[in-house]
N, C-alpha and C. Protein backbone atom coordinates (compact mmCIF):
# COMPACT_ATOMS: atom_id res chain seq x y z
N MET A 1 14.83 9.62 -14.37
CA MET A 1 13.42 9.71 -14.60
C MET A 1 12.95 11.12 -14.27
N GLU A 2 12.03 11.65 -15.06
CA GLU A 2 11.51 12.99 -14.81
C GLU A 2 10.63 13.00 -13.58
N GLN A 3 10.60 14.15 -12.93
CA GLN A 3 9.72 14.29 -11.78
C GLN A 3 8.27 14.30 -12.28
N ASN A 4 7.41 13.57 -11.63
CA ASN A 4 6.00 13.50 -11.98
C ASN A 4 5.25 14.50 -11.14
N ASN A 5 4.59 15.46 -11.79
CA ASN A 5 3.85 16.47 -11.05
C ASN A 5 2.35 16.22 -11.10
N GLY A 6 1.93 15.00 -11.46
CA GLY A 6 0.51 14.66 -11.49
C GLY A 6 -0.06 14.53 -10.09
N LYS A 7 -1.36 14.41 -10.03
CA LYS A 7 -2.04 14.24 -8.75
C LYS A 7 -1.71 12.88 -8.15
N ILE A 8 -1.40 12.88 -6.87
CA ILE A 8 -0.95 11.67 -6.19
C ILE A 8 -1.94 11.28 -5.11
N LEU A 9 -2.30 10.00 -5.10
CA LEU A 9 -3.14 9.42 -4.05
C LEU A 9 -2.29 8.41 -3.29
N VAL A 10 -2.26 8.53 -1.97
CA VAL A 10 -1.55 7.60 -1.11
C VAL A 10 -2.60 6.81 -0.33
N VAL A 11 -2.84 5.56 -0.75
CA VAL A 11 -3.82 4.72 -0.07
C VAL A 11 -3.08 3.65 0.72
N TYR A 12 -3.65 3.28 1.86
CA TYR A 12 -2.97 2.29 2.68
C TYR A 12 -3.97 1.55 3.55
N TYR A 13 -3.57 0.35 3.94
CA TYR A 13 -4.25 -0.39 5.00
C TYR A 13 -3.19 -0.62 6.07
N SER A 14 -3.56 -0.35 7.32
CA SER A 14 -2.63 -0.54 8.43
C SER A 14 -3.36 -1.24 9.56
N HIS A 15 -2.81 -2.34 10.03
CA HIS A 15 -3.40 -3.06 11.15
C HIS A 15 -2.79 -2.60 12.47
N SER A 16 -1.47 -2.50 12.52
CA SER A 16 -0.79 -2.20 13.78
C SER A 16 -0.36 -0.73 13.91
N GLY A 17 -0.47 0.02 12.81
CA GLY A 17 -0.05 1.42 12.83
C GLY A 17 1.25 1.68 12.08
N ASN A 18 2.05 0.64 11.81
CA ASN A 18 3.32 0.84 11.11
C ASN A 18 3.12 1.35 9.69
N THR A 19 2.19 0.74 8.95
CA THR A 19 1.97 1.16 7.57
C THR A 19 1.40 2.57 7.54
N GLU A 20 0.55 2.90 8.51
CA GLU A 20 0.01 4.27 8.58
C GLU A 20 1.13 5.28 8.81
N THR A 21 2.08 4.97 9.67
CA THR A 21 3.20 5.87 9.93
C THR A 21 3.97 6.16 8.64
N ILE A 22 4.27 5.11 7.89
CA ILE A 22 5.00 5.28 6.62
C ILE A 22 4.14 6.00 5.60
N ALA A 23 2.85 5.68 5.54
CA ALA A 23 1.94 6.35 4.59
C ALA A 23 1.90 7.85 4.86
N ARG A 24 1.85 8.23 6.12
CA ARG A 24 1.82 9.66 6.46
C ARG A 24 3.11 10.36 6.02
N LEU A 25 4.25 9.70 6.24
CA LEU A 25 5.53 10.26 5.76
C LEU A 25 5.52 10.42 4.24
N ILE A 26 5.07 9.38 3.55
CA ILE A 26 5.02 9.42 2.09
C ILE A 26 4.07 10.52 1.62
N GLY A 27 2.93 10.64 2.28
CA GLY A 27 1.99 11.70 1.92
C GLY A 27 2.59 13.07 2.10
N GLN A 28 3.27 13.30 3.22
CA GLN A 28 3.90 14.60 3.49
C GLN A 28 4.96 14.91 2.44
N GLU A 29 5.81 13.93 2.14
CA GLU A 29 6.94 14.18 1.26
C GLU A 29 6.56 14.20 -0.23
N SER A 30 5.46 13.55 -0.59
CA SER A 30 5.05 13.52 -2.01
C SER A 30 4.00 14.56 -2.34
N GLY A 31 3.37 15.14 -1.31
CA GLY A 31 2.27 16.06 -1.55
C GLY A 31 0.98 15.33 -1.92
N GLY A 32 0.95 14.04 -1.70
CA GLY A 32 -0.20 13.24 -2.06
C GLY A 32 -1.35 13.34 -1.07
N VAL A 33 -2.54 13.00 -1.55
CA VAL A 33 -3.73 12.92 -0.72
C VAL A 33 -3.71 11.57 -0.01
N LEU A 34 -3.84 11.59 1.30
CA LEU A 34 -3.75 10.39 2.12
C LEU A 34 -5.15 9.81 2.33
N ALA A 35 -5.30 8.49 2.12
CA ALA A 35 -6.59 7.83 2.33
C ALA A 35 -6.38 6.44 2.91
N GLU A 36 -7.07 6.17 4.01
CA GLU A 36 -6.97 4.87 4.66
C GLU A 36 -8.03 3.92 4.13
N ILE A 37 -7.61 2.74 3.73
CA ILE A 37 -8.52 1.68 3.32
C ILE A 37 -8.90 0.92 4.59
N ARG A 38 -10.20 0.80 4.83
CA ARG A 38 -10.67 0.10 6.02
C ARG A 38 -11.67 -0.97 5.61
N PRO A 39 -11.51 -2.18 6.13
CA PRO A 39 -12.53 -3.19 5.86
C PRO A 39 -13.79 -2.87 6.67
N GLN A 40 -14.95 -3.28 6.17
CA GLN A 40 -16.19 -3.06 6.94
C GLN A 40 -16.11 -3.74 8.30
N ALA A 41 -15.59 -4.95 8.34
CA ALA A 41 -15.41 -5.68 9.60
C ALA A 41 -13.93 -5.60 9.98
N ALA A 42 -13.63 -4.93 11.07
CA ALA A 42 -12.24 -4.77 11.49
C ALA A 42 -11.63 -6.13 11.83
N TYR A 43 -10.32 -6.21 11.61
CA TYR A 43 -9.60 -7.43 11.98
C TYR A 43 -9.40 -7.45 13.49
N PRO A 44 -9.30 -8.66 14.07
CA PRO A 44 -9.05 -8.76 15.52
C PRO A 44 -7.70 -8.14 15.88
N GLN A 45 -7.59 -7.62 17.08
CA GLN A 45 -6.33 -7.03 17.53
C GLN A 45 -5.34 -8.07 18.03
N ASP A 46 -5.83 -9.19 18.53
CA ASP A 46 -4.96 -10.25 19.02
C ASP A 46 -4.09 -10.78 17.87
N TYR A 47 -2.78 -10.78 18.10
CA TYR A 47 -1.83 -11.13 17.05
C TYR A 47 -2.09 -12.51 16.45
N ASN A 48 -2.17 -13.54 17.29
CA ASN A 48 -2.35 -14.91 16.78
C ASN A 48 -3.67 -15.07 16.03
N THR A 49 -4.70 -14.40 16.50
CA THR A 49 -6.01 -14.49 15.85
C THR A 49 -5.97 -13.84 14.47
N VAL A 50 -5.38 -12.66 14.37
CA VAL A 50 -5.33 -11.97 13.07
C VAL A 50 -4.42 -12.71 12.10
N VAL A 51 -3.34 -13.29 12.59
CA VAL A 51 -2.44 -14.06 11.74
C VAL A 51 -3.18 -15.26 11.13
N ALA A 52 -3.93 -15.97 11.96
CA ALA A 52 -4.68 -17.13 11.47
C ALA A 52 -5.77 -16.70 10.49
N GLN A 53 -6.48 -15.62 10.80
CA GLN A 53 -7.54 -15.15 9.92
C GLN A 53 -6.97 -14.70 8.57
N ALA A 54 -5.89 -13.93 8.61
CA ALA A 54 -5.28 -13.44 7.37
C ALA A 54 -4.78 -14.60 6.51
N LYS A 55 -4.16 -15.58 7.13
CA LYS A 55 -3.67 -16.74 6.37
C LYS A 55 -4.83 -17.43 5.65
N GLY A 56 -5.92 -17.66 6.34
CA GLY A 56 -7.07 -18.31 5.73
C GLY A 56 -7.67 -17.48 4.61
N GLU A 57 -7.78 -16.18 4.81
CA GLU A 57 -8.34 -15.30 3.77
C GLU A 57 -7.46 -15.30 2.53
N ILE A 58 -6.17 -15.21 2.73
CA ILE A 58 -5.24 -15.18 1.59
C ILE A 58 -5.28 -16.52 0.84
N GLN A 59 -5.29 -17.60 1.56
CA GLN A 59 -5.34 -18.92 0.92
C GLN A 59 -6.62 -19.10 0.10
N ARG A 60 -7.73 -18.55 0.57
CA ARG A 60 -9.01 -18.68 -0.13
C ARG A 60 -9.22 -17.60 -1.19
N GLY A 61 -8.36 -16.60 -1.24
CA GLY A 61 -8.56 -15.48 -2.15
C GLY A 61 -9.72 -14.60 -1.72
N PHE A 62 -10.02 -14.59 -0.42
CA PHE A 62 -11.13 -13.81 0.11
C PHE A 62 -10.86 -12.32 -0.01
N LEU A 63 -11.85 -11.58 -0.49
CA LEU A 63 -11.76 -10.13 -0.62
C LEU A 63 -12.78 -9.49 0.33
N PRO A 64 -12.34 -8.95 1.45
CA PRO A 64 -13.28 -8.37 2.40
C PRO A 64 -13.93 -7.10 1.85
N ALA A 65 -15.18 -6.89 2.22
CA ALA A 65 -15.86 -5.65 1.84
C ALA A 65 -15.17 -4.48 2.53
N LEU A 66 -15.07 -3.36 1.82
CA LEU A 66 -14.43 -2.18 2.38
C LEU A 66 -15.47 -1.20 2.89
N ALA A 67 -15.09 -0.41 3.88
CA ALA A 67 -15.95 0.65 4.37
C ALA A 67 -16.22 1.60 3.20
N PRO A 68 -17.46 1.98 2.98
CA PRO A 68 -17.80 2.73 1.77
C PRO A 68 -17.21 4.13 1.68
N ASP A 69 -16.88 4.73 2.79
CA ASP A 69 -16.38 6.11 2.76
C ASP A 69 -14.85 6.20 2.80
N ALA A 70 -14.20 5.10 2.60
CA ALA A 70 -12.77 5.03 2.91
C ALA A 70 -11.86 5.78 1.93
N VAL A 71 -12.09 5.69 0.63
CA VAL A 71 -11.07 6.14 -0.33
C VAL A 71 -11.69 6.98 -1.44
N PRO A 72 -11.02 8.08 -1.81
CA PRO A 72 -11.48 8.84 -2.97
C PRO A 72 -11.34 8.03 -4.26
N ASP A 73 -12.03 8.42 -5.29
CA ASP A 73 -11.98 7.73 -6.57
C ASP A 73 -10.59 7.87 -7.17
N PRO A 74 -9.88 6.75 -7.38
CA PRO A 74 -8.53 6.85 -7.93
C PRO A 74 -8.50 7.38 -9.37
N ALA A 75 -9.64 7.41 -10.04
CA ALA A 75 -9.69 7.94 -11.41
C ALA A 75 -9.25 9.40 -11.45
N GLU A 76 -9.35 10.09 -10.32
CA GLU A 76 -8.99 11.51 -10.25
C GLU A 76 -7.48 11.74 -10.12
N TYR A 77 -6.71 10.66 -10.04
CA TYR A 77 -5.28 10.76 -9.75
C TYR A 77 -4.44 10.13 -10.85
N ASP A 78 -3.22 10.62 -11.01
CA ASP A 78 -2.28 10.09 -12.00
C ASP A 78 -1.41 8.99 -11.40
N VAL A 79 -1.10 9.15 -10.12
CA VAL A 79 -0.19 8.25 -9.41
C VAL A 79 -0.91 7.72 -8.18
N VAL A 80 -0.83 6.42 -7.96
CA VAL A 80 -1.43 5.82 -6.77
C VAL A 80 -0.33 5.05 -6.04
N LEU A 81 -0.01 5.51 -4.83
CA LEU A 81 0.96 4.85 -3.97
C LEU A 81 0.16 3.97 -3.01
N ILE A 82 0.50 2.69 -2.94
CA ILE A 82 -0.33 1.71 -2.24
C ILE A 82 0.45 1.06 -1.11
N GLY A 83 -0.02 1.27 0.12
CA GLY A 83 0.68 0.76 1.29
C GLY A 83 -0.03 -0.41 1.96
N THR A 84 0.75 -1.41 2.33
CA THR A 84 0.22 -2.61 2.95
C THR A 84 1.23 -3.21 3.91
N PRO A 85 0.73 -3.85 4.96
CA PRO A 85 1.65 -4.71 5.70
C PRO A 85 1.91 -5.97 4.88
N ASN A 86 3.04 -6.60 5.09
CA ASN A 86 3.33 -7.90 4.46
C ASN A 86 2.60 -8.94 5.29
N TRP A 87 1.56 -9.52 4.71
CA TRP A 87 0.82 -10.61 5.36
C TRP A 87 1.02 -11.86 4.54
N TRP A 88 1.72 -12.81 5.08
CA TRP A 88 1.98 -14.08 4.41
C TRP A 88 2.60 -13.85 3.03
N SER A 89 3.56 -12.94 2.95
CA SER A 89 4.35 -12.63 1.75
C SER A 89 3.56 -11.94 0.65
N THR A 90 2.38 -11.40 0.98
CA THR A 90 1.60 -10.70 -0.04
C THR A 90 0.89 -9.51 0.60
N VAL A 91 0.02 -8.86 -0.17
CA VAL A 91 -0.74 -7.72 0.32
C VAL A 91 -1.83 -8.19 1.29
N ALA A 92 -2.19 -7.34 2.22
CA ALA A 92 -3.31 -7.62 3.10
C ALA A 92 -4.60 -7.68 2.27
N PRO A 93 -5.53 -8.56 2.61
CA PRO A 93 -6.76 -8.70 1.82
C PRO A 93 -7.51 -7.39 1.53
N PRO A 94 -7.58 -6.40 2.45
CA PRO A 94 -8.26 -5.16 2.07
C PRO A 94 -7.59 -4.44 0.88
N ILE A 95 -6.28 -4.58 0.76
CA ILE A 95 -5.58 -3.98 -0.40
C ILE A 95 -5.95 -4.74 -1.66
N ALA A 96 -6.02 -6.07 -1.59
CA ALA A 96 -6.44 -6.86 -2.75
C ALA A 96 -7.85 -6.46 -3.19
N THR A 97 -8.74 -6.21 -2.22
CA THR A 97 -10.10 -5.75 -2.55
C THR A 97 -10.03 -4.42 -3.29
N PHE A 98 -9.28 -3.47 -2.75
CA PHE A 98 -9.15 -2.14 -3.38
C PHE A 98 -8.64 -2.27 -4.81
N LEU A 99 -7.61 -3.07 -5.01
CA LEU A 99 -7.03 -3.22 -6.35
C LEU A 99 -7.98 -3.92 -7.31
N THR A 100 -8.79 -4.83 -6.81
CA THR A 100 -9.75 -5.55 -7.63
C THR A 100 -10.93 -4.67 -8.02
N GLU A 101 -11.32 -3.78 -7.12
CA GLU A 101 -12.52 -2.96 -7.33
C GLU A 101 -12.25 -1.65 -8.05
N ASN A 102 -10.99 -1.27 -8.24
CA ASN A 102 -10.68 0.02 -8.85
C ASN A 102 -9.85 -0.17 -10.11
N ASP A 103 -10.19 0.59 -11.12
CA ASP A 103 -9.49 0.54 -12.40
C ASP A 103 -8.27 1.45 -12.33
N LEU A 104 -7.10 0.85 -12.32
CA LEU A 104 -5.86 1.62 -12.28
C LEU A 104 -5.13 1.57 -13.63
N ASN A 105 -5.84 1.19 -14.67
CA ASN A 105 -5.24 1.13 -16.01
C ASN A 105 -4.67 2.50 -16.38
N GLY A 106 -3.44 2.49 -16.88
CA GLY A 106 -2.79 3.72 -17.32
C GLY A 106 -2.19 4.55 -16.20
N LYS A 107 -2.39 4.17 -14.98
CA LYS A 107 -1.85 4.91 -13.83
C LYS A 107 -0.43 4.45 -13.53
N THR A 108 0.30 5.30 -12.83
CA THR A 108 1.56 4.89 -12.24
C THR A 108 1.24 4.43 -10.82
N VAL A 109 1.65 3.22 -10.50
CA VAL A 109 1.38 2.62 -9.20
C VAL A 109 2.71 2.31 -8.54
N ALA A 110 2.83 2.65 -7.27
CA ALA A 110 4.05 2.33 -6.52
C ALA A 110 3.68 1.76 -5.17
N PRO A 111 3.98 0.49 -4.95
CA PRO A 111 3.66 -0.15 -3.67
C PRO A 111 4.67 0.21 -2.58
N PHE A 112 4.18 0.21 -1.34
CA PHE A 112 5.09 0.30 -0.20
C PHE A 112 4.57 -0.64 0.87
N CYS A 113 5.51 -1.23 1.61
CA CYS A 113 5.11 -2.22 2.60
C CYS A 113 5.95 -2.10 3.86
N THR A 114 5.28 -2.47 4.95
CA THR A 114 5.96 -2.62 6.23
C THR A 114 5.93 -4.10 6.59
N HIS A 115 6.90 -4.52 7.36
CA HIS A 115 6.98 -5.95 7.68
C HIS A 115 7.70 -6.16 9.00
N GLY A 116 7.60 -7.38 9.48
CA GLY A 116 8.26 -7.76 10.72
C GLY A 116 9.45 -8.66 10.47
N GLY A 117 9.99 -8.62 9.27
CA GLY A 117 11.16 -9.43 8.93
C GLY A 117 11.02 -10.15 7.61
N GLY A 118 9.84 -10.11 7.00
CA GLY A 118 9.60 -10.82 5.74
C GLY A 118 9.91 -10.04 4.49
N GLY A 119 10.40 -8.81 4.63
CA GLY A 119 10.72 -8.01 3.45
C GLY A 119 9.51 -7.78 2.58
N LEU A 120 9.76 -7.68 1.28
CA LEU A 120 8.68 -7.44 0.31
C LEU A 120 7.87 -8.68 0.00
N GLY A 121 8.43 -9.84 0.27
CA GLY A 121 7.72 -11.05 -0.12
C GLY A 121 7.40 -11.01 -1.61
N HIS A 122 6.14 -11.29 -1.97
CA HIS A 122 5.70 -11.26 -3.37
C HIS A 122 4.84 -10.03 -3.66
N ILE A 123 4.91 -9.04 -2.80
CA ILE A 123 4.00 -7.90 -2.90
C ILE A 123 4.11 -7.18 -4.24
N GLU A 124 5.32 -6.89 -4.68
CA GLU A 124 5.49 -6.18 -5.96
C GLU A 124 4.88 -6.99 -7.10
N ARG A 125 5.19 -8.27 -7.16
CA ARG A 125 4.66 -9.15 -8.20
C ARG A 125 3.14 -9.24 -8.13
N ASP A 126 2.61 -9.37 -6.92
CA ASP A 126 1.16 -9.51 -6.76
C ASP A 126 0.42 -8.24 -7.16
N ILE A 127 0.99 -7.08 -6.85
CA ILE A 127 0.36 -5.83 -7.27
C ILE A 127 0.43 -5.70 -8.78
N GLN A 128 1.52 -6.10 -9.39
CA GLN A 128 1.61 -6.07 -10.86
C GLN A 128 0.52 -6.97 -11.46
N ARG A 129 0.29 -8.13 -10.86
CA ARG A 129 -0.74 -9.04 -11.34
C ARG A 129 -2.14 -8.43 -11.19
N LEU A 130 -2.37 -7.71 -10.09
CA LEU A 130 -3.67 -7.10 -9.84
C LEU A 130 -3.88 -5.80 -10.62
N CYS A 131 -2.80 -5.23 -11.13
CA CYS A 131 -2.86 -3.98 -11.92
C CYS A 131 -2.10 -4.18 -13.23
N PRO A 132 -2.53 -5.11 -14.09
CA PRO A 132 -1.73 -5.48 -15.25
C PRO A 132 -1.55 -4.36 -16.28
N HIS A 133 -2.39 -3.35 -16.26
CA HIS A 133 -2.29 -2.28 -17.25
C HIS A 133 -1.86 -0.96 -16.62
N ALA A 134 -1.22 -1.06 -15.46
CA ALA A 134 -0.63 0.11 -14.81
C ALA A 134 0.88 -0.01 -14.93
N THR A 135 1.56 1.11 -14.77
CA THR A 135 3.01 1.11 -14.70
C THR A 135 3.38 0.98 -13.23
N VAL A 136 3.90 -0.17 -12.85
CA VAL A 136 4.22 -0.42 -11.44
C VAL A 136 5.70 -0.12 -11.22
N ARG A 137 5.95 0.83 -10.34
CA ARG A 137 7.32 1.22 -9.97
C ARG A 137 7.85 0.31 -8.87
N ARG A 138 9.16 0.38 -8.66
CA ARG A 138 9.80 -0.44 -7.63
C ARG A 138 9.18 -0.14 -6.28
N ALA A 139 8.96 -1.17 -5.52
CA ALA A 139 8.32 -1.05 -4.21
C ALA A 139 9.31 -0.57 -3.15
N PHE A 140 8.75 0.03 -2.13
CA PHE A 140 9.47 0.45 -0.94
C PHE A 140 9.12 -0.53 0.18
N GLU A 141 10.09 -0.89 0.98
CA GLU A 141 9.81 -1.75 2.13
C GLU A 141 10.63 -1.28 3.31
N THR A 142 10.04 -1.47 4.49
CA THR A 142 10.76 -1.14 5.70
C THR A 142 10.30 -2.03 6.85
N TYR A 143 11.19 -2.27 7.75
CA TYR A 143 10.89 -3.06 8.95
C TYR A 143 10.12 -2.18 9.93
N GLY A 144 9.00 -2.66 10.43
CA GLY A 144 8.22 -1.92 11.41
C GLY A 144 7.81 -0.56 10.88
N ASP A 145 8.02 0.48 11.70
CA ASP A 145 7.64 1.83 11.26
C ASP A 145 8.82 2.58 10.65
N GLY A 146 9.91 1.87 10.40
CA GLY A 146 11.06 2.47 9.74
C GLY A 146 12.07 3.12 10.67
N GLY A 147 11.69 3.36 11.91
CA GLY A 147 12.62 3.94 12.88
C GLY A 147 13.10 5.33 12.50
N ALA A 148 14.25 5.71 13.06
CA ALA A 148 14.78 7.05 12.90
C ALA A 148 15.16 7.38 11.46
N GLY A 149 15.49 6.38 10.66
CA GLY A 149 15.90 6.63 9.28
C GLY A 149 14.77 6.60 8.27
N ALA A 150 13.54 6.53 8.74
CA ALA A 150 12.40 6.36 7.82
C ALA A 150 12.26 7.50 6.82
N ARG A 151 12.35 8.74 7.28
CA ARG A 151 12.16 9.89 6.38
C ARG A 151 13.20 9.88 5.25
N ALA A 152 14.45 9.66 5.59
CA ALA A 152 15.51 9.65 4.57
C ALA A 152 15.28 8.52 3.57
N LYS A 153 14.85 7.37 4.06
CA LYS A 153 14.60 6.23 3.18
C LYS A 153 13.41 6.51 2.25
N VAL A 154 12.36 7.13 2.79
CA VAL A 154 11.19 7.50 1.98
C VAL A 154 11.60 8.51 0.91
N LEU A 155 12.37 9.52 1.29
CA LEU A 155 12.81 10.53 0.32
C LEU A 155 13.63 9.91 -0.81
N ALA A 156 14.54 9.00 -0.46
CA ALA A 156 15.35 8.33 -1.49
C ALA A 156 14.46 7.54 -2.45
N TRP A 157 13.46 6.84 -1.91
CA TRP A 157 12.55 6.06 -2.75
C TRP A 157 11.73 6.97 -3.66
N LEU A 158 11.19 8.06 -3.10
CA LEU A 158 10.40 8.99 -3.92
C LEU A 158 11.23 9.58 -5.05
N LYS A 159 12.50 9.85 -4.80
CA LYS A 159 13.40 10.33 -5.86
C LYS A 159 13.58 9.24 -6.92
N GLU A 160 13.82 8.02 -6.46
CA GLU A 160 14.07 6.92 -7.38
C GLU A 160 12.89 6.67 -8.31
N ILE A 161 11.67 6.80 -7.80
CA ILE A 161 10.49 6.54 -8.64
C ILE A 161 9.98 7.79 -9.35
N GLY A 162 10.71 8.91 -9.22
CA GLY A 162 10.39 10.11 -9.99
C GLY A 162 9.37 11.04 -9.38
N LEU A 163 9.15 10.95 -8.07
CA LEU A 163 8.16 11.84 -7.43
C LEU A 163 8.79 12.95 -6.61
N LYS A 164 10.09 12.98 -6.55
CA LYS A 164 10.83 14.03 -5.84
C LYS A 164 12.02 14.40 -6.67
N ALA A 165 12.31 15.69 -6.73
CA ALA A 165 13.47 16.16 -7.48
C ALA A 165 14.75 15.89 -6.70
């Protein structure tokens, strides 16, 4: 695949900091603009509470309102890299809100996810469903913050999806 030299936006939602760590690595290595998606109402920090809330939101298809200053207009970018924790085998609800509220038609979209053992779950499929007219590249996944091998794994993924020579 040819290297893509278009403008890159790296958007992410991170609850525990793991997805932010990977997003920052991806931003550094891709030259992309980094933007954090934040819900207007923050999720609870208590693990059991956030797990229960996320499960209920996902089951209901709830889309939380996002903080208005969170993300630049994706229309200005050719490639949108989308980072999420794996919550109940899918994207975190703030990511679903972002994908529902923004037109990514014709864009190249590449998901990345962090997880605590659940792998990608249905994240790649769900992003394809939420962005039916985008070109969705193979997703990147890593356990936690990726550990010592995170940079090498990110570089290999960026090469595979055509964003690094």
